[in-house]
Amino acid sequence: LSSGLMLIMTLYVFSCVGAEFIAKEPWEDEAVAALVQTHFNSLPHIMLSLVQFVNADSIAGLYFPLIAQRPALAVYFGSLILLVTLALMNLVTALVVED
């Protein structure tokens, strides 16, 4: 239960940061703008899109076009991958194995 809450809180924080740095910025490329409009148009959509990072499910299609346009977003997505995909999911796995 506690690891699930920590995962949800982490996704919420990253969603708020994503809303500020991705959703509110203008994008020149139409394909990237459509990607942002699809995945980053509201906080629930951002959280749902970031759930892909929990299992590393086709995440390159989400972060690669954005980082190609704005390389500074590599810090955002890199920390998301390290914290959510690797650290928190290892914590969940450790809790399951321990029980």
N, C-alpha and C. Protein backbone atom coordinates (compact mmCIF):
# COMPACT_ATOMS: atom_id res chain seq x y z
N LEU A 1 0.83 -1.20 0.00
CA LEU A 1 0.00 0.00 0.00
C LEU A 1 0.87 1.25 0.00
N SER A 2 1.89 1.28 0.84
CA SER A 2 2.73 2.47 0.93
C SER A 2 3.53 2.69 -0.35
N SER A 3 3.98 1.61 -0.97
CA SER A 3 4.73 1.78 -2.22
C SER A 3 3.81 2.25 -3.35
N GLY A 4 2.57 1.81 -3.34
CA GLY A 4 1.60 2.27 -4.33
C GLY A 4 1.31 3.76 -4.17
N LEU A 5 1.16 4.20 -2.92
CA LEU A 5 0.94 5.62 -2.67
C LEU A 5 2.16 6.45 -3.08
N MET A 6 3.34 5.93 -2.81
CA MET A 6 4.55 6.64 -3.20
C MET A 6 4.65 6.73 -4.72
N LEU A 7 4.26 5.68 -5.41
CA LEU A 7 4.26 5.69 -6.87
C LEU A 7 3.27 6.72 -7.41
N ILE A 8 2.08 6.76 -6.85
CA ILE A 8 1.05 7.72 -7.30
C ILE A 8 1.50 9.14 -7.01
N MET A 9 2.07 9.38 -5.83
CA MET A 9 2.54 10.72 -5.50
C MET A 9 3.68 11.16 -6.42
N THR A 10 4.58 10.25 -6.74
CA THR A 10 5.68 10.58 -7.65
C THR A 10 5.16 10.90 -9.04
N LEU A 11 4.21 10.11 -9.53
CA LEU A 11 3.62 10.38 -10.84
C LEU A 11 2.87 11.71 -10.83
N TYR A 12 2.23 12.04 -9.72
CA TYR A 12 1.51 13.32 -9.62
C TYR A 12 2.49 14.49 -9.68
N VAL A 13 3.59 14.39 -8.95
CA VAL A 13 4.58 15.47 -8.96
C VAL A 13 5.17 15.64 -10.36
N PHE A 14 5.53 14.52 -11.00
CA PHE A 14 6.07 14.61 -12.36
C PHE A 14 5.01 15.11 -13.34
N SER A 15 3.75 14.82 -13.09
CA SER A 15 2.68 15.33 -13.95
C SER A 15 2.55 16.84 -13.82
N CYS A 16 2.66 17.35 -12.62
CA CYS A 16 2.59 18.80 -12.40
C CYS A 16 3.77 19.50 -13.08
N VAL A 17 4.95 18.93 -12.96
CA VAL A 17 6.12 19.50 -13.63
C VAL A 17 5.95 19.42 -15.14
N GLY A 18 5.44 18.30 -15.63
CA GLY A 18 5.20 18.15 -17.07
C GLY A 18 4.18 19.13 -17.59
N ALA A 19 3.16 19.42 -16.78
CA ALA A 19 2.16 20.40 -17.19
C ALA A 19 2.78 21.78 -17.35
N GLU A 20 3.72 22.11 -16.47
CA GLU A 20 4.38 23.41 -16.55
C GLU A 20 5.35 23.50 -17.71
N PHE A 21 6.20 22.50 -17.87
CA PHE A 21 7.30 22.60 -18.83
C PHE A 21 6.99 22.03 -20.21
N ILE A 22 5.95 21.22 -20.34
CA ILE A 22 5.65 20.63 -21.64
C ILE A 22 4.34 21.17 -22.19
N ALA A 23 3.28 21.11 -21.40
CA ALA A 23 1.95 21.44 -21.91
C ALA A 23 1.78 22.94 -22.19
N LYS A 24 2.42 23.79 -21.40
CA LYS A 24 2.20 25.24 -21.55
C LYS A 24 3.11 25.89 -22.58
N GLU A 25 4.06 25.15 -23.10
CA GLU A 25 5.01 25.71 -24.05
C GLU A 25 4.51 25.53 -25.49
N PRO A 26 4.77 26.51 -26.35
CA PRO A 26 4.41 26.33 -27.77
C PRO A 26 5.42 25.42 -28.47
N TRP A 27 4.91 24.59 -29.37
CA TRP A 27 5.75 23.63 -30.11
C TRP A 27 5.68 23.96 -31.58
N GLU A 28 6.83 24.03 -32.24
CA GLU A 28 6.90 24.41 -33.65
C GLU A 28 6.45 23.27 -34.57
N ASP A 29 6.93 22.08 -34.31
CA ASP A 29 6.63 20.92 -35.16
C ASP A 29 5.19 20.46 -34.92
N GLU A 30 4.44 20.26 -35.99
CA GLU A 30 3.04 19.87 -35.86
C GLU A 30 2.86 18.49 -35.24
N ALA A 31 3.75 17.56 -35.58
CA ALA A 31 3.65 16.21 -35.03
C ALA A 31 3.90 16.21 -33.53
N VAL A 32 4.88 16.99 -33.10
CA VAL A 32 5.16 17.10 -31.66
C VAL A 32 4.03 17.83 -30.95
N ALA A 33 3.48 18.85 -31.58
CA ALA A 33 2.35 19.58 -30.99
C ALA A 33 1.14 18.66 -30.84
N ALA A 34 0.93 17.78 -31.80
CA ALA A 34 -0.17 16.82 -31.70
C ALA A 34 0.09 15.81 -30.58
N LEU A 35 1.34 15.40 -30.43
CA LEU A 35 1.71 14.48 -29.34
C LEU A 35 1.47 15.13 -27.99
N VAL A 36 1.87 16.39 -27.87
CA VAL A 36 1.66 17.12 -26.61
C VAL A 36 0.17 17.30 -26.36
N GLN A 37 -0.59 17.62 -27.40
CA GLN A 37 -2.04 17.81 -27.24
C GLN A 37 -2.72 16.51 -26.83
N THR A 38 -2.22 15.39 -27.30
CA THR A 38 -2.81 14.10 -26.97
C THR A 38 -2.47 13.64 -25.56
N HIS A 39 -1.19 13.73 -25.20
CA HIS A 39 -0.71 13.14 -23.95
C HIS A 39 -0.54 14.13 -22.81
N PHE A 40 -0.45 15.42 -23.09
CA PHE A 40 -0.14 16.40 -22.06
C PHE A 40 -1.16 17.54 -22.01
N ASN A 41 -2.42 17.25 -22.29
CA ASN A 41 -3.42 18.32 -22.33
C ASN A 41 -4.11 18.56 -20.99
N SER A 42 -4.06 17.62 -20.07
CA SER A 42 -4.64 17.82 -18.74
C SER A 42 -3.88 16.95 -17.74
N LEU A 43 -4.03 17.25 -16.48
CA LEU A 43 -3.30 16.52 -15.46
C LEU A 43 -3.63 15.02 -15.45
N PRO A 44 -4.91 14.62 -15.57
CA PRO A 44 -5.18 13.17 -15.65
C PRO A 44 -4.57 12.50 -16.88
N HIS A 45 -4.57 13.19 -18.03
CA HIS A 45 -3.95 12.61 -19.23
C HIS A 45 -2.44 12.50 -19.07
N ILE A 46 -1.84 13.49 -18.41
CA ILE A 46 -0.40 13.43 -18.19
C ILE A 46 -0.07 12.26 -17.27
N MET A 47 -0.83 12.10 -16.19
CA MET A 47 -0.58 10.98 -15.27
C MET A 47 -0.77 9.65 -15.98
N LEU A 48 -1.79 9.54 -16.78
CA LEU A 48 -2.04 8.30 -17.52
C LEU A 48 -0.90 8.03 -18.52
N SER A 49 -0.40 9.07 -19.15
CA SER A 49 0.73 8.90 -20.07
C SER A 49 1.99 8.50 -19.33
N LEU A 50 2.20 9.03 -18.13
CA LEU A 50 3.40 8.72 -17.37
C LEU A 50 3.33 7.32 -16.75
N VAL A 51 2.15 6.72 -16.71
CA VAL A 51 2.05 5.34 -16.24
C VAL A 51 2.82 4.41 -17.18
N GLN A 52 2.98 4.81 -18.43
CA GLN A 52 3.79 4.03 -19.37
C GLN A 52 5.21 3.87 -18.86
N PHE A 53 5.72 4.87 -18.12
CA PHE A 53 7.08 4.80 -17.60
C PHE A 53 7.21 3.79 -16.47
N VAL A 54 6.12 3.44 -15.83
CA VAL A 54 6.19 2.47 -14.74
C VAL A 54 6.69 1.12 -15.26
N ASN A 55 6.17 0.71 -16.41
CA ASN A 55 6.57 -0.57 -16.99
C ASN A 55 7.46 -0.41 -18.22
N ALA A 56 7.88 0.81 -18.51
CA ALA A 56 8.69 1.12 -19.70
C ALA A 56 7.98 0.63 -20.96
N ASP A 57 6.69 0.93 -21.07
CA ASP A 57 5.85 0.46 -22.17
C ASP A 57 5.83 1.49 -23.30
N SER A 58 6.62 1.26 -24.33
CA SER A 58 6.67 2.12 -25.52
C SER A 58 6.92 3.58 -25.16
N ILE A 59 7.86 3.81 -24.26
CA ILE A 59 8.09 5.18 -23.81
C ILE A 59 8.92 6.01 -24.79
N ALA A 60 9.67 5.36 -25.65
CA ALA A 60 10.50 6.12 -26.60
C ALA A 60 9.63 6.95 -27.54
N GLY A 61 8.47 6.46 -27.91
CA GLY A 61 7.57 7.22 -28.76
C GLY A 61 7.01 8.45 -28.07
N LEU A 62 7.08 8.46 -26.76
CA LEU A 62 6.58 9.60 -25.99
C LEU A 62 7.67 10.63 -25.74
N TYR A 63 8.83 10.19 -25.29
CA TYR A 63 9.84 11.16 -24.91
C TYR A 63 10.79 11.56 -26.04
N PHE A 64 11.04 10.70 -27.01
CA PHE A 64 12.04 11.01 -28.05
C PHE A 64 11.69 12.26 -28.86
N PRO A 65 10.47 12.41 -29.39
CA PRO A 65 10.17 13.62 -30.16
C PRO A 65 10.27 14.90 -29.33
N LEU A 66 9.91 14.80 -28.05
CA LEU A 66 9.96 15.98 -27.19
C LEU A 66 11.40 16.37 -26.89
N ILE A 67 12.25 15.39 -26.63
CA ILE A 67 13.66 15.69 -26.35
C ILE A 67 14.37 16.16 -27.61
N ALA A 68 13.95 15.66 -28.77
CA ALA A 68 14.55 16.11 -30.03
C ALA A 68 14.28 17.59 -30.25
N GLN A 69 13.11 18.06 -29.84
CA GLN A 69 12.76 19.49 -29.98
C GLN A 69 13.38 20.33 -28.87
N ARG A 70 13.36 19.82 -27.66
CA ARG A 70 13.89 20.55 -26.49
C ARG A 70 14.79 19.63 -25.68
N PRO A 71 16.09 19.66 -25.92
CA PRO A 71 17.02 18.75 -25.24
C PRO A 71 17.01 18.88 -23.72
N ALA A 72 16.61 20.01 -23.18
CA ALA A 72 16.57 20.19 -21.73
C ALA A 72 15.56 19.24 -21.07
N LEU A 73 14.59 18.77 -21.83
CA LEU A 73 13.62 17.83 -21.28
C LEU A 73 14.23 16.46 -20.99
N ALA A 74 15.47 16.24 -21.43
CA ALA A 74 16.17 14.99 -21.11
C ALA A 74 16.35 14.85 -19.60
N VAL A 75 16.50 15.97 -18.90
CA VAL A 75 16.62 15.94 -17.44
C VAL A 75 15.31 15.45 -16.83
N TYR A 76 14.19 15.97 -17.32
CA TYR A 76 12.87 15.57 -16.82
C TYR A 76 12.61 14.09 -17.08
N PHE A 77 12.76 13.67 -18.33
CA PHE A 77 12.46 12.27 -18.66
C PHE A 77 13.50 11.32 -18.10
N GLY A 78 14.76 11.74 -18.05
CA GLY A 78 15.80 10.89 -17.46
C GLY A 78 15.56 10.64 -15.98
N SER A 79 15.20 11.68 -15.25
CA SER A 79 14.91 11.49 -13.83
C SER A 79 13.63 10.69 -13.64
N LEU A 80 12.67 10.85 -14.53
CA LEU A 80 11.44 10.05 -14.46
C LEU A 80 11.75 8.57 -14.67
N ILE A 81 12.59 8.28 -15.65
CA ILE A 81 12.95 6.88 -15.91
C ILE A 81 13.72 6.30 -14.73
N LEU A 82 14.68 7.05 -14.22
CA LEU A 82 15.48 6.55 -13.10
C LEU A 82 14.65 6.36 -11.84
N LEU A 83 13.80 7.32 -11.54
CA LEU A 83 13.05 7.25 -10.30
C LEU A 83 11.88 6.28 -10.37
N VAL A 84 11.08 6.36 -11.41
CA VAL A 84 9.87 5.55 -11.49
C VAL A 84 10.15 4.16 -12.03
N THR A 85 10.76 4.10 -13.21
CA THR A 85 10.95 2.81 -13.86
C THR A 85 11.92 1.92 -13.09
N LEU A 86 13.00 2.48 -12.61
CA LEU A 86 14.01 1.66 -11.96
C LEU A 86 13.83 1.58 -10.45
N ALA A 87 13.82 2.71 -9.77
CA ALA A 87 13.84 2.72 -8.31
C ALA A 87 12.52 2.25 -7.69
N LEU A 88 11.43 2.88 -8.07
CA LEU A 88 10.15 2.53 -7.43
C LEU A 88 9.68 1.13 -7.81
N MET A 89 9.89 0.74 -9.05
CA MET A 89 9.45 -0.61 -9.42
C MET A 89 10.33 -1.67 -8.77
N ASN A 90 11.61 -1.38 -8.52
CA ASN A 90 12.43 -2.31 -7.75
C ASN A 90 11.94 -2.40 -6.31
N LEU A 91 11.46 -1.29 -5.77
CA LEU A 91 10.89 -1.30 -4.43
C LEU A 91 9.64 -2.17 -4.38
N VAL A 92 8.78 -2.02 -5.36
CA VAL A 92 7.56 -2.85 -5.42
C VAL A 92 7.92 -4.32 -5.56
N THR A 93 8.88 -4.63 -6.41
CA THR A 93 9.33 -6.02 -6.58
C THR A 93 9.89 -6.57 -5.28
N ALA A 94 10.67 -5.77 -4.58
CA ALA A 94 11.25 -6.21 -3.30
C ALA A 94 10.16 -6.48 -2.28
N LEU A 95 9.12 -5.67 -2.26
CA LEU A 95 8.03 -5.89 -1.32
C LEU A 95 7.25 -7.17 -1.64
N VAL A 96 7.07 -7.44 -2.93
CA VAL A 96 6.35 -8.65 -3.33
C VAL A 96 7.17 -9.89 -2.98
N VAL A 97 8.48 -9.84 -3.24
CA VAL A 97 9.33 -10.99 -2.97
C VAL A 97 9.44 -11.23 -1.46
N GLU A 98 9.50 -10.15 -0.69
CA GLU A 98 9.64 -10.27 0.76
C GLU A 98 8.40 -10.90 1.39
N ASP A 99 7.24 -10.57 0.88
CA ASP A 99 5.99 -11.13 1.44
C ASP A 99 5.83 -12.53 0.92
